Amino acid sequence: SQETIDLARRLKEQYITHDSFEKLSNDEITIIESIQDKRMFLSRIAIIANQSRIPMGKEPYKKGELEDILSNLIAKGYVTSEIVGKNRVYYLTERGKYRVQ
């Protein structure tokens, strides 16, 4: 029936929107893969992310760069953050966890 076809079309559109991943830069992928624990401070993310960059001869991420990349990842729905004490912690959303796998 037409009603069933319309329902199938809407479900398909929702699935494609939910399951599709945006094109991420290499830096964004590196940062996502660096967030290993449930919640991580920016300094810990920097240590892990820079461990792979320095041996390859790349400049380590600066604090501002990391904050910009994390902000983009938050806007794209891969990472979220919250304030704990005086510091901000970052962690992967379900979408981010799925992307890493």
N, C-alpha and C. Protein backbone atom coordinates (compact mmCIF):
# COMPACT_ATOMS: atom_id res chain seq x y z
N SER A 1 0.84 -1.18 0.00
CA SER A 1 0.00 0.00 0.00
C SER A 1 0.88 1.25 0.00
N GLN A 2 0.29 2.34 -0.34
CA GLN A 2 1.02 3.62 -0.36
C GLN A 2 1.49 3.99 1.04
N GLU A 3 0.68 3.70 2.04
CA GLU A 3 1.05 4.01 3.43
C GLU A 3 2.31 3.24 3.85
N THR A 4 2.39 1.99 3.46
CA THR A 4 3.56 1.17 3.78
C THR A 4 4.80 1.68 3.04
N ILE A 5 4.62 2.08 1.80
CA ILE A 5 5.74 2.62 1.02
C ILE A 5 6.25 3.91 1.65
N ASP A 6 5.35 4.79 2.07
CA ASP A 6 5.74 6.05 2.72
C ASP A 6 6.48 5.78 4.03
N LEU A 7 5.99 4.84 4.81
CA LEU A 7 6.64 4.48 6.07
C LEU A 7 8.05 3.94 5.82
N ALA A 8 8.19 3.07 4.84
CA ALA A 8 9.49 2.50 4.50
C ALA A 8 10.45 3.60 4.05
N ARG A 9 9.97 4.54 3.28
CA ARG A 9 10.81 5.65 2.80
C ARG A 9 11.30 6.51 3.97
N ARG A 10 10.39 6.82 4.90
CA ARG A 10 10.78 7.63 6.07
C ARG A 10 11.80 6.90 6.93
N LEU A 11 11.59 5.61 7.15
CA LEU A 11 12.53 4.82 7.95
C LEU A 11 13.89 4.75 7.28
N LYS A 12 13.90 4.59 5.97
CA LYS A 12 15.16 4.54 5.23
C LYS A 12 15.91 5.86 5.36
N GLU A 13 15.21 6.99 5.23
CA GLU A 13 15.84 8.30 5.36
C GLU A 13 16.41 8.50 6.76
N GLN A 14 15.68 8.08 7.78
CA GLN A 14 16.17 8.20 9.15
C GLN A 14 17.40 7.33 9.36
N TYR A 15 17.39 6.13 8.81
CA TYR A 15 18.52 5.22 8.97
C TYR A 15 19.76 5.78 8.30
N ILE A 16 19.62 6.27 7.09
CA ILE A 16 20.76 6.83 6.37
C ILE A 16 21.33 8.03 7.12
N THR A 17 20.46 8.90 7.62
CA THR A 17 20.93 10.07 8.36
C THR A 17 21.65 9.65 9.63
N HIS A 18 21.10 8.69 10.36
CA HIS A 18 21.69 8.25 11.63
C HIS A 18 22.99 7.50 11.40
N ASP A 19 23.05 6.68 10.37
CA ASP A 19 24.19 5.78 10.19
C ASP A 19 25.31 6.38 9.36
N SER A 20 25.07 7.46 8.67
CA SER A 20 26.10 8.02 7.82
C SER A 20 27.09 8.84 8.64
N PHE A 21 28.33 8.73 8.26
CA PHE A 21 29.38 9.47 8.94
C PHE A 21 29.87 10.61 8.05
N GLU A 22 30.15 11.70 8.69
CA GLU A 22 30.70 12.83 7.96
C GLU A 22 32.16 12.52 7.64
N LYS A 23 32.66 13.18 6.64
CA LYS A 23 34.07 13.04 6.30
C LYS A 23 34.89 13.72 7.39
N LEU A 24 35.74 12.95 8.04
CA LEU A 24 36.58 13.50 9.10
C LEU A 24 38.01 13.66 8.60
N SER A 25 38.67 14.69 9.09
CA SER A 25 40.08 14.90 8.75
C SER A 25 40.94 13.89 9.49
N ASN A 26 42.18 13.76 9.07
CA ASN A 26 43.10 12.86 9.76
C ASN A 26 43.29 13.29 11.22
N ASP A 27 43.35 14.60 11.45
CA ASP A 27 43.50 15.10 12.81
C ASP A 27 42.29 14.72 13.66
N GLU A 28 41.09 14.84 13.11
CA GLU A 28 39.89 14.48 13.85
C GLU A 28 39.87 12.98 14.19
N ILE A 29 40.26 12.17 13.24
CA ILE A 29 40.31 10.72 13.48
C ILE A 29 41.34 10.41 14.55
N THR A 30 42.50 11.05 14.48
CA THR A 30 43.54 10.84 15.50
C THR A 30 43.02 11.18 16.89
N ILE A 31 42.31 12.29 17.01
CA ILE A 31 41.80 12.71 18.31
C ILE A 31 40.73 11.74 18.81
N ILE A 32 39.82 11.34 17.94
CA ILE A 32 38.80 10.37 18.35
C ILE A 32 39.45 9.09 18.86
N GLU A 33 40.45 8.61 18.14
CA GLU A 33 41.12 7.37 18.54
C GLU A 33 41.96 7.54 19.79
N SER A 34 42.30 8.77 20.14
CA SER A 34 43.09 9.04 21.34
C SER A 34 42.25 9.03 22.62
N ILE A 35 40.96 9.21 22.47
CA ILE A 35 40.08 9.23 23.65
C ILE A 35 39.75 7.79 24.00
N GLN A 36 40.48 7.26 24.98
CA GLN A 36 40.38 5.84 25.31
C GLN A 36 39.52 5.58 26.53
N ASP A 37 39.62 6.41 27.52
CA ASP A 37 38.91 6.18 28.77
C ASP A 37 37.51 6.77 28.68
N LYS A 38 36.75 6.58 29.73
CA LYS A 38 35.40 7.14 29.76
C LYS A 38 35.44 8.66 29.68
N ARG A 39 36.29 9.28 30.49
CA ARG A 39 36.43 10.75 30.47
C ARG A 39 37.91 11.08 30.52
N MET A 40 38.33 12.00 29.66
CA MET A 40 39.74 12.35 29.61
C MET A 40 39.92 13.86 29.61
N PHE A 41 40.94 14.30 30.34
CA PHE A 41 41.30 15.71 30.33
C PHE A 41 42.04 16.03 29.04
N LEU A 42 42.01 17.29 28.65
CA LEU A 42 42.68 17.74 27.43
C LEU A 42 44.16 17.38 27.44
N SER A 43 44.81 17.52 28.58
CA SER A 43 46.25 17.22 28.65
C SER A 43 46.53 15.76 28.34
N ARG A 44 45.67 14.87 28.79
CA ARG A 44 45.86 13.43 28.54
C ARG A 44 45.62 13.10 27.07
N ILE A 45 44.61 13.73 26.49
CA ILE A 45 44.36 13.53 25.06
C ILE A 45 45.56 14.01 24.25
N ALA A 46 46.14 15.14 24.65
CA ALA A 46 47.30 15.69 23.95
C ALA A 46 48.48 14.73 24.01
N ILE A 47 48.73 14.15 25.18
CA ILE A 47 49.85 13.22 25.33
C ILE A 47 49.68 12.04 24.39
N ILE A 48 48.50 11.45 24.38
CA ILE A 48 48.27 10.26 23.54
C ILE A 48 48.33 10.61 22.06
N ALA A 49 47.68 11.70 21.67
CA ALA A 49 47.66 12.09 20.26
C ALA A 49 49.06 12.46 19.76
N ASN A 50 49.84 13.13 20.60
CA ASN A 50 51.18 13.57 20.18
C ASN A 50 52.19 12.43 20.16
N GLN A 51 51.93 11.35 20.87
CA GLN A 51 52.84 10.21 20.85
C GLN A 51 53.00 9.64 19.45
N SER A 52 51.96 9.73 18.65
CA SER A 52 52.04 9.20 17.28
C SER A 52 52.56 10.24 16.30
N ARG A 53 52.45 11.51 16.63
CA ARG A 53 52.88 12.57 15.71
C ARG A 53 54.38 12.84 15.76
N ILE A 54 54.91 12.91 16.95
CA ILE A 54 56.31 13.31 17.12
C ILE A 54 57.27 12.34 16.41
N PRO A 55 57.12 11.01 16.58
CA PRO A 55 58.03 10.09 15.87
C PRO A 55 57.95 10.21 14.34
N MET A 56 56.82 10.69 13.84
CA MET A 56 56.67 10.83 12.39
C MET A 56 57.20 12.17 11.90
N GLY A 57 57.73 12.98 12.81
CA GLY A 57 58.30 14.27 12.44
C GLY A 57 57.28 15.39 12.31
N LYS A 58 56.06 15.15 12.78
CA LYS A 58 55.03 16.18 12.72
C LYS A 58 55.08 17.01 13.99
N GLU A 59 54.67 18.27 13.87
CA GLU A 59 54.60 19.15 15.03
C GLU A 59 53.53 18.63 15.99
N PRO A 60 53.81 18.66 17.28
CA PRO A 60 52.77 18.24 18.24
C PRO A 60 51.60 19.23 18.23
N TYR A 61 50.44 18.71 18.59
CA TYR A 61 49.26 19.58 18.69
C TYR A 61 49.47 20.60 19.80
N LYS A 62 49.07 21.81 19.53
CA LYS A 62 49.05 22.85 20.55
C LYS A 62 47.68 22.83 21.21
N LYS A 63 47.58 23.41 22.39
CA LYS A 63 46.34 23.40 23.14
C LYS A 63 45.18 23.98 22.32
N GLY A 64 45.41 25.11 21.68
CA GLY A 64 44.37 25.76 20.88
C GLY A 64 43.89 24.89 19.72
N GLU A 65 44.84 24.21 19.07
CA GLU A 65 44.49 23.31 17.97
C GLU A 65 43.60 22.18 18.46
N LEU A 66 44.02 21.58 19.57
CA LEU A 66 43.23 20.48 20.13
C LEU A 66 41.82 20.93 20.50
N GLU A 67 41.72 22.09 21.12
CA GLU A 67 40.40 22.61 21.50
C GLU A 67 39.53 22.85 20.28
N ASP A 68 40.12 23.35 19.19
CA ASP A 68 39.37 23.58 17.95
C ASP A 68 38.89 22.25 17.35
N ILE A 69 39.77 21.27 17.31
CA ILE A 69 39.41 19.96 16.76
C ILE A 69 38.31 19.32 17.60
N LEU A 70 38.48 19.38 18.92
CA LEU A 70 37.46 18.81 19.81
C LEU A 70 36.13 19.55 19.68
N SER A 71 36.18 20.84 19.49
CA SER A 71 34.96 21.61 19.28
C SER A 71 34.23 21.16 18.02
N ASN A 72 34.99 20.93 16.95
CA ASN A 72 34.40 20.42 15.70
C ASN A 72 33.80 19.04 15.91
N LEU A 73 34.49 18.19 16.65
CA LEU A 73 33.99 16.84 16.90
C LEU A 73 32.73 16.87 17.77
N ILE A 74 32.66 17.81 18.68
CA ILE A 74 31.45 17.98 19.49
C ILE A 74 30.30 18.41 18.59
N ALA A 75 30.55 19.36 17.69
CA ALA A 75 29.52 19.85 16.78
C ALA A 75 29.02 18.74 15.84
N LYS A 76 29.91 17.81 15.49
CA LYS A 76 29.55 16.71 14.61
C LYS A 76 28.93 15.54 15.36
N GLY A 77 28.95 15.60 16.68
CA GLY A 77 28.29 14.57 17.48
C GLY A 77 29.14 13.37 17.84
N TYR A 78 30.46 13.46 17.68
CA TYR A 78 31.35 12.34 18.00
C TYR A 78 31.89 12.39 19.43
N VAL A 79 31.98 13.59 19.97
CA VAL A 79 32.57 13.80 21.29
C VAL A 79 31.64 14.72 22.07
N THR A 80 31.65 14.57 23.38
CA THR A 80 30.94 15.50 24.25
C THR A 80 31.87 15.86 25.39
N SER A 81 31.50 16.88 26.15
CA SER A 81 32.37 17.29 27.25
C SER A 81 31.53 17.80 28.40
N GLU A 82 32.17 17.89 29.55
CA GLU A 82 31.53 18.47 30.73
C GLU A 82 32.62 19.02 31.64
N ILE A 83 32.21 19.89 32.53
CA ILE A 83 33.14 20.48 33.49
C ILE A 83 33.15 19.61 34.74
N VAL A 84 34.36 19.24 35.17
CA VAL A 84 34.54 18.51 36.41
C VAL A 84 35.51 19.33 37.26
N GLY A 85 35.02 19.86 38.36
CA GLY A 85 35.85 20.76 39.16
C GLY A 85 36.10 22.02 38.36
N LYS A 86 37.36 22.30 38.13
CA LYS A 86 37.73 23.48 37.33
C LYS A 86 38.14 23.12 35.92
N ASN A 87 38.12 21.84 35.60
CA ASN A 87 38.61 21.37 34.31
C ASN A 87 37.50 20.78 33.46
N ARG A 88 37.74 20.78 32.16
CA ARG A 88 36.81 20.17 31.21
C ARG A 88 37.32 18.77 30.87
N VAL A 89 36.39 17.82 30.84
CA VAL A 89 36.72 16.46 30.41
C VAL A 89 35.96 16.15 29.13
N TYR A 90 36.54 15.30 28.31
CA TYR A 90 35.97 14.92 27.03
C TYR A 90 35.75 13.42 27.00
N TYR A 91 34.71 13.00 26.31
CA TYR A 91 34.48 11.57 26.12
C TYR A 91 33.69 11.36 24.85
N LEU A 92 33.78 10.13 24.34
CA LEU A 92 33.11 9.79 23.09
C LEU A 92 31.62 9.60 23.31
N THR A 93 30.84 10.03 22.34
CA THR A 93 29.41 9.73 22.33
C THR A 93 29.26 8.33 21.75
N GLU A 94 28.05 7.83 21.71
CA GLU A 94 27.81 6.52 21.09
C GLU A 94 28.25 6.54 19.63
N ARG A 95 28.00 7.65 18.97
CA ARG A 95 28.43 7.78 17.57
C ARG A 95 29.95 7.72 17.44
N GLY A 96 30.64 8.38 18.39
CA GLY A 96 32.10 8.36 18.39
C GLY A 96 32.65 6.96 18.64
N LYS A 97 32.04 6.26 19.60
CA LYS A 97 32.46 4.88 19.90
C LYS A 97 32.26 3.99 18.69
N TYR A 98 31.13 4.16 18.02
CA TYR A 98 30.83 3.37 16.83
C TYR A 98 31.83 3.67 15.72
N ARG A 99 32.22 4.93 15.59
CA ARG A 99 33.18 5.35 14.55
C ARG A 99 34.55 4.74 14.78
N VAL A 100 34.95 4.64 16.04
CA VAL A 100 36.26 4.08 16.37
C VAL A 100 36.30 2.59 16.07
N GLN A 101 35.19 1.92 16.29
CA GLN A 101 35.15 0.47 16.03
C GLN A 101 35.16 0.26 14.55
